[in-house]
Amino acid sequence: MMKPGYIYVLMHPSDPNLYKIGVTILEPKQRLAQHNRDFSKYAGRIVKETGQKWELKEYHYVPDPYLAESAFWRTTKFVDIPYRYGIEVERMSWEEVQRGLEAAKKAGLRSEKRSTPFSDWVYAYTASMKKRLEGRDITLLGYVTSKSGKSKFRCNNGHEWRTRSMYVAEGQGCPECGIGERHPEEIRKKINAGIICLLTHPDKPGLIKIGMGCGTIEEVCREWPWGDWEILHHRNVEEVVLAETLIWELLGHPLPHHREPIEKDLNLAEEAFRKLPYAIQADIAFKERRKENLQKTG
């Protein structure tokens, strides 16, 4: 049974727009102390590097912490942050944080009996997990309803366990026998994860271009494949080809074409880029629902 807890916001003196969002079943001040002394974690490394400690900005009681956390991030432009190695530190405006907190407080409690179909993101998260488990002798039991929440797994040796989905997605194996353990880099390369970029040119106002590639942003940009074009925004994506197809559709220039720069109001291009994660989720969910229905009908 899900334990109630808190969603909390930490702020850091080094940057007024730097926030750490988290959930806990502990007292928030106790969790704050843990963040300020654990230098092995990302939040702790900021403390070590700056010599300044995180401060507790705000916290709220929630009946289902992981559902609240998921609701928070869905209101932000960082909706696709899961699979970022558990890092929940971002630069954002206080207005964005407040909007997320309002959604988190209204998230409520997950029902044991689900009478309505799963949301798009559940199908997308589940499909992503299954893709990451291929060849690892681990089976997902049920659905992934939140990447930062918990899911149940079974290894081929018959051991079952429940843990945060992101841990297994990033390579954690069976806690009893170790089967299925992988390095995060190995998984990322196996699934051909990559980036998609919205590019602008300093000498070509009114024109935008889409760039893409497999690998991290550092790996893709190492040889800088886009000449004088500069990255305005980029997103990490697991389905690079699908992401490219959908962004061009959102821009009103569906493939196939020569992928040349196009005239587009920058605000409209940025809006299309913001909608991309939702479009990817919707496309994957449609395919997964169809597959599920075909299995049910034999």
Protein backbone atom coordinates (compact mmCIF):
# COMPACT_ATOMS: atom_id res chain seq x y z
CA MET A 1 0.00 0.00 0.00
CA MET A 2 1.30 3.45 -0.91
CA LYS A 3 2.51 5.46 2.10
CA PRO A 4 1.59 9.16 2.25
CA GLY A 5 4.39 11.68 2.37
CA TYR A 6 5.48 15.05 1.08
CA ILE A 7 6.50 16.78 -2.11
CA TYR A 8 9.18 19.35 -1.34
CA VAL A 9 11.10 22.15 -3.04
CA LEU A 10 14.69 23.02 -2.18
CA MET A 11 16.37 26.21 -3.36
CA HIS A 12 20.09 26.90 -3.55
CA PRO A 13 21.75 30.21 -2.56
CA SER A 14 24.13 30.04 -5.52
CA ASP A 15 21.30 30.50 -8.05
CA PRO A 16 17.82 31.92 -7.30
CA ASN A 17 16.33 29.85 -10.15
CA LEU A 18 17.91 26.52 -9.18
CA TYR A 19 15.47 24.11 -7.52
CA LYS A 20 15.52 20.52 -6.31
CA ILE A 21 12.11 18.85 -6.46
CA GLY A 22 11.62 15.64 -4.54
CA VAL A 23 9.20 13.43 -2.63
CA THR A 24 9.73 11.66 0.66
CA ILE A 25 7.92 9.77 3.42
CA LEU A 26 10.37 11.30 5.91
CA GLU A 27 10.06 14.71 7.51
CA PRO A 28 11.18 17.21 4.81
CA LYS A 29 13.81 18.77 7.09
CA GLN A 30 15.31 15.31 7.61
CA ARG A 31 15.45 14.78 3.83
CA LEU A 32 17.03 18.24 3.46
CA ALA A 33 19.82 17.23 5.84
CA GLN A 34 20.46 14.08 3.81
CA HIS A 35 20.81 16.07 0.58
CA ASN A 36 23.25 18.49 2.20
CA ARG A 37 25.62 15.78 3.43
CA ASP A 38 25.44 13.11 0.71
CA PHE A 39 28.14 14.25 -1.72
CA SER A 40 27.76 11.12 -3.86
CA LYS A 41 24.46 12.44 -5.25
CA TYR A 42 24.00 15.32 -7.67
CA ALA A 43 22.37 17.66 -5.13
CA GLY A 44 25.14 16.95 -2.64
CA ARG A 45 27.86 17.63 -5.20
CA ILE A 46 26.44 21.13 -5.69
CA VAL A 47 26.82 21.66 -1.94
CA LYS A 48 30.42 20.43 -2.07
CA GLU A 49 31.34 22.52 -5.12
CA THR A 50 29.78 25.78 -3.89
CA GLY A 51 30.22 25.42 -0.14
CA GLN A 52 26.56 26.43 0.24
CA LYS A 53 23.74 24.24 1.48
CA TRP A 54 20.29 23.67 0.03
CA GLU A 55 17.41 25.42 1.83
CA LEU A 56 13.88 24.12 2.26
CA LYS A 57 11.65 26.48 0.28
CA GLU A 58 8.27 24.74 0.53
CA TYR A 59 6.67 21.36 1.15
CA HIS A 60 3.18 19.85 1.02
CA TYR A 61 1.58 16.71 2.37
CA VAL A 62 0.41 14.36 -0.43
CA PRO A 63 -1.38 11.00 -0.13
CA ASP A 64 0.59 9.46 -3.03
CA PRO A 65 4.09 10.98 -3.31
CA TYR A 66 5.09 9.35 -6.60
CA LEU A 67 1.81 10.28 -8.30
CA ALA A 68 2.26 13.83 -7.03
CA GLU A 69 5.83 13.92 -8.35
CA SER A 70 4.72 12.70 -11.76
CA ALA A 71 1.95 15.31 -11.85
CA PHE A 72 4.47 18.04 -11.01
CA TRP A 73 6.83 17.27 -13.89
CA ARG A 74 4.01 16.88 -16.42
CA THR A 75 3.27 20.61 -16.07
CA THR A 76 6.82 21.59 -17.01
CA LYS A 77 8.94 21.70 -20.13
CA PHE A 78 11.02 19.00 -18.46
CA VAL A 79 8.23 16.44 -18.85
CA ASP A 80 10.74 13.98 -20.35
CA ILE A 81 13.23 14.15 -17.49
CA PRO A 82 12.75 10.59 -16.32
CA TYR A 83 15.77 8.40 -17.20
CA ARG A 84 18.09 11.27 -16.32
CA TYR A 85 19.78 9.14 -13.67
CA GLY A 86 17.39 10.28 -10.96
CA ILE A 87 18.51 13.93 -11.12
CA GLU A 88 15.62 16.24 -10.25
CA VAL A 89 17.52 19.55 -10.11
CA GLU A 90 16.53 22.16 -12.66
CA ARG A 91 16.71 25.85 -13.36
CA MET A 92 13.16 27.18 -13.64
CA SER A 93 11.07 30.16 -12.64
CA TRP A 94 9.19 30.20 -9.36
CA GLU A 95 5.97 30.47 -11.39
CA GLU A 96 6.79 27.14 -13.05
CA VAL A 97 7.45 25.57 -9.66
CA GLN A 98 4.16 26.86 -8.26
CA ARG A 99 2.25 25.52 -11.24
CA GLY A 100 3.80 22.11 -10.71
CA LEU A 101 3.02 22.14 -6.99
CA GLU A 102 -0.63 22.95 -7.63
CA ALA A 103 -0.86 19.94 -9.97
CA ALA A 104 0.94 17.75 -7.42
CA LYS A 105 -1.45 18.73 -4.62
CA LYS A 106 -4.45 17.84 -6.80
CA ALA A 107 -3.02 14.50 -7.99
CA GLY A 108 -4.78 12.51 -5.28
CA LEU A 109 -4.33 8.77 -4.84
CA ARG A 110 -3.97 6.00 -7.41
CA SER A 111 -6.99 3.71 -7.51
CA GLU A 112 -6.49 -0.01 -7.04
CA LYS A 113 -9.20 -0.65 -9.60
CA ARG A 114 -8.81 1.16 -12.89
CA SER A 115 -12.03 1.52 -14.85
CA THR A 116 -10.65 3.82 -17.53
CA PRO A 117 -7.84 3.16 -20.04
CA PHE A 118 -4.29 4.06 -19.10
CA SER A 119 -3.02 7.49 -20.09
CA ASP A 120 -0.68 7.88 -23.06
CA TRP A 121 2.40 8.30 -20.90
CA VAL A 122 1.78 4.97 -19.14
CA TYR A 123 1.83 3.10 -22.45
CA ALA A 124 4.87 5.08 -23.58
CA TYR A 125 6.79 4.48 -20.34
CA THR A 126 5.90 0.78 -20.41
CA ALA A 127 7.00 0.38 -24.03
CA SER A 128 10.26 2.14 -23.21
CA MET A 129 10.89 -0.15 -20.25
CA LYS A 130 10.27 -3.30 -22.28
CA LYS A 131 12.68 -2.04 -24.91
CA ARG A 132 15.33 -1.46 -22.25
CA LEU A 133 14.79 -4.95 -20.79
CA GLU A 134 15.36 -6.79 -24.07
CA GLY A 135 18.13 -9.38 -23.69
CA ARG A 136 18.47 -8.81 -19.93
CA ASP A 137 16.39 -11.80 -18.69
CA ILE A 138 14.13 -9.49 -16.68
CA THR A 139 10.38 -9.18 -17.20
CA LEU A 140 8.24 -6.19 -16.27
CA LEU A 141 5.13 -7.26 -14.36
CA GLY A 142 2.28 -4.90 -15.18
CA TYR A 143 2.73 -1.32 -16.34
CA VAL A 144 5.09 1.55 -15.61
CA THR A 145 2.73 4.25 -14.34
CA SER A 146 5.52 6.61 -13.31
CA LYS A 147 9.18 6.52 -14.21
CA SER A 148 10.10 7.91 -10.81
CA GLY A 149 7.61 5.58 -9.09
CA LYS A 150 7.86 1.87 -8.44
CA SER A 151 7.14 -1.13 -10.67
CA LYS A 152 7.36 -4.87 -10.18
CA PHE A 153 9.88 -7.09 -11.98
CA ARG A 154 10.79 -10.77 -12.24
CA CYS A 155 14.10 -12.25 -13.37
CA ASN A 156 14.50 -15.56 -15.20
CA ASN A 157 15.65 -17.16 -11.95
CA GLY A 158 12.21 -16.53 -10.49
CA HIS A 159 13.06 -13.67 -8.14
CA GLU A 160 10.48 -10.88 -7.92
CA TRP A 161 11.05 -7.39 -6.56
CA ARG A 162 9.59 -3.91 -6.60
CA THR A 163 11.70 -0.82 -7.08
CA ARG A 164 11.82 2.56 -8.78
CA SER A 165 11.39 2.03 -12.49
CA MET A 166 14.22 4.39 -13.40
CA TYR A 167 16.75 2.23 -11.55
CA VAL A 168 16.03 -0.86 -13.66
CA ALA A 169 15.69 1.26 -16.81
CA GLU A 170 19.21 2.58 -16.26
CA GLY A 171 20.76 -0.84 -15.69
CA GLN A 172 20.02 -2.14 -12.21
CA GLY A 173 19.69 -5.93 -12.19
CA CYS A 174 17.99 -8.42 -9.89
CA PRO A 175 18.85 -7.53 -6.27
CA GLU A 176 19.18 -11.23 -5.37
CA CYS A 177 21.19 -12.75 -8.22
CA GLY A 178 22.36 -9.72 -10.22
CA ILE A 179 20.96 -11.01 -13.50
CA GLY A 180 20.23 -8.31 -16.06
CA GLU A 181 22.59 -5.69 -14.68
CA ARG A 182 23.93 -3.35 -17.35
CA HIS A 183 25.85 -0.09 -17.52
CA PRO A 184 23.59 2.87 -18.42
CA GLU A 185 25.82 3.69 -21.38
CA GLU A 186 25.39 0.17 -22.74
CA ILE A 187 21.61 0.45 -22.54
CA ARG A 188 21.55 3.87 -24.18
CA LYS A 189 23.60 2.64 -27.12
CA LYS A 190 21.56 -0.54 -27.46
CA ILE A 191 18.27 1.33 -27.79
CA ASN A 192 19.85 3.97 -30.08
CA ALA A 193 18.75 6.85 -27.88
CA GLY A 194 19.67 10.27 -29.18
CA ILE A 195 18.76 13.92 -29.45
CA ILE A 196 16.64 16.15 -31.64
CA CYS A 197 17.46 19.85 -31.91
CA LEU A 198 15.76 23.06 -32.94
CA LEU A 199 18.43 25.07 -34.77
CA THR A 200 18.63 28.75 -35.66
CA HIS A 201 21.19 30.72 -37.67
CA PRO A 202 22.57 34.13 -36.60
CA ASP A 203 22.55 35.40 -40.18
CA LYS A 204 19.23 33.87 -41.26
CA PRO A 205 16.41 35.30 -39.13
CA GLY A 206 13.04 33.71 -39.80
CA LEU A 207 14.54 30.35 -40.75
CA ILE A 208 14.76 27.28 -38.55
CA LYS A 209 16.27 23.84 -39.05
CA ILE A 210 15.89 20.46 -37.33
CA GLY A 211 18.94 18.45 -36.34
CA MET A 212 19.10 14.94 -34.94
CA GLY A 213 21.52 12.19 -34.07
CA CYS A 214 22.10 9.11 -31.94
CA GLY A 215 24.10 9.56 -28.75
CA THR A 216 24.29 12.23 -26.07
CA ILE A 217 24.32 15.92 -26.90
CA GLU A 218 28.07 15.94 -26.31
CA GLU A 219 28.65 12.98 -28.61
CA VAL A 220 26.45 14.29 -31.42
CA CYS A 221 27.95 17.78 -31.25
CA ARG A 222 31.55 16.60 -31.03
CA GLU A 223 31.93 16.91 -34.81
CA TRP A 224 29.24 19.61 -35.04
CA PRO A 225 27.29 18.35 -38.06
CA TRP A 226 25.25 21.56 -38.57
CA GLY A 227 27.80 24.07 -39.79
CA ASP A 228 26.96 27.60 -38.65
CA TRP A 229 23.57 26.60 -37.27
CA GLU A 230 23.20 26.91 -33.49
CA ILE A 231 21.13 24.84 -31.07
CA LEU A 232 18.27 26.82 -29.56
CA HIS A 233 16.63 23.83 -27.85
CA HIS A 234 17.32 20.11 -27.71
CA ARG A 235 15.52 17.07 -26.31
CA ASN A 236 16.76 13.63 -25.39
CA VAL A 237 14.63 11.04 -27.19
CA GLU A 238 14.60 7.27 -27.33
CA GLU A 239 12.77 7.09 -30.65
CA VAL A 240 14.91 9.37 -32.82
CA VAL A 241 13.28 8.55 -36.15
CA LEU A 242 9.78 8.88 -34.69
CA ALA A 243 10.74 12.18 -33.06
CA GLU A 244 11.97 13.59 -36.36
CA THR A 245 8.83 12.50 -38.19
CA LEU A 246 6.55 14.05 -35.59
CA ILE A 247 8.40 17.36 -35.22
CA TRP A 248 8.14 17.97 -38.96
CA GLU A 249 4.42 17.19 -38.79
CA LEU A 250 4.02 19.65 -35.92
CA LEU A 251 5.88 22.25 -37.99
CA GLY A 252 3.49 21.66 -40.89
CA HIS A 253 6.12 20.14 -43.18
CA PRO A 254 5.63 16.37 -42.96
CA LEU A 255 8.34 14.09 -44.32
CA PRO A 256 9.50 13.18 -46.90
CA HIS A 257 11.29 16.32 -48.01
CA HIS A 258 14.89 17.43 -48.17
CA ARG A 259 15.09 18.47 -44.51
CA GLU A 260 16.19 21.92 -45.61
CA PRO A 261 15.72 25.02 -43.42
CA ILE A 262 12.17 26.37 -43.49
CA GLU A 263 10.58 29.73 -42.83
CA LYS A 264 8.79 29.54 -39.49
CA ASP A 265 7.90 32.00 -36.77
CA LEU A 266 10.26 31.17 -33.94
CA ASN A 267 7.48 31.21 -31.32
CA LEU A 268 5.50 28.68 -33.35
CA ALA A 269 8.60 26.51 -33.82
CA GLU A 270 9.27 26.56 -30.08
CA GLU A 271 5.65 25.66 -29.39
CA ALA A 272 5.94 22.67 -31.75
CA PHE A 273 9.10 21.62 -29.96
CA ARG A 274 7.31 21.87 -26.61
CA LYS A 275 4.49 19.65 -27.89
CA LEU A 276 6.87 17.01 -29.23
CA PRO A 277 7.08 14.80 -26.08
CA TYR A 278 3.29 14.60 -25.92
CA ALA A 279 3.08 13.74 -29.61
CA ILE A 280 5.65 10.96 -29.16
CA GLN A 281 3.74 9.56 -26.20
CA ALA A 282 0.45 9.70 -28.11
CA ASP A 283 1.91 7.89 -31.13
CA ILE A 284 3.49 5.13 -29.03
CA ALA A 285 0.32 4.78 -26.93
CA PHE A 286 -1.82 4.40 -30.05
CA LYS A 287 0.38 1.56 -31.31
CA GLU A 288 0.52 -0.13 -27.90
CA ARG A 289 -3.28 0.04 -27.44
CA ARG A 290 -3.79 -1.44 -30.88
CA LYS A 291 -1.34 -4.24 -30.10
CA GLU A 292 -3.10 -4.88 -26.78
CA ASN A 293 -6.52 -5.02 -28.44
CA LEU A 294 -5.26 -7.46 -31.07
CA GLN A 295 -3.92 -9.73 -28.33
CA LYS A 296 -7.25 -9.64 -26.50
CA THR A 297 -9.24 -10.51 -29.62
CA GLY A 298 -6.85 -13.33 -30.54
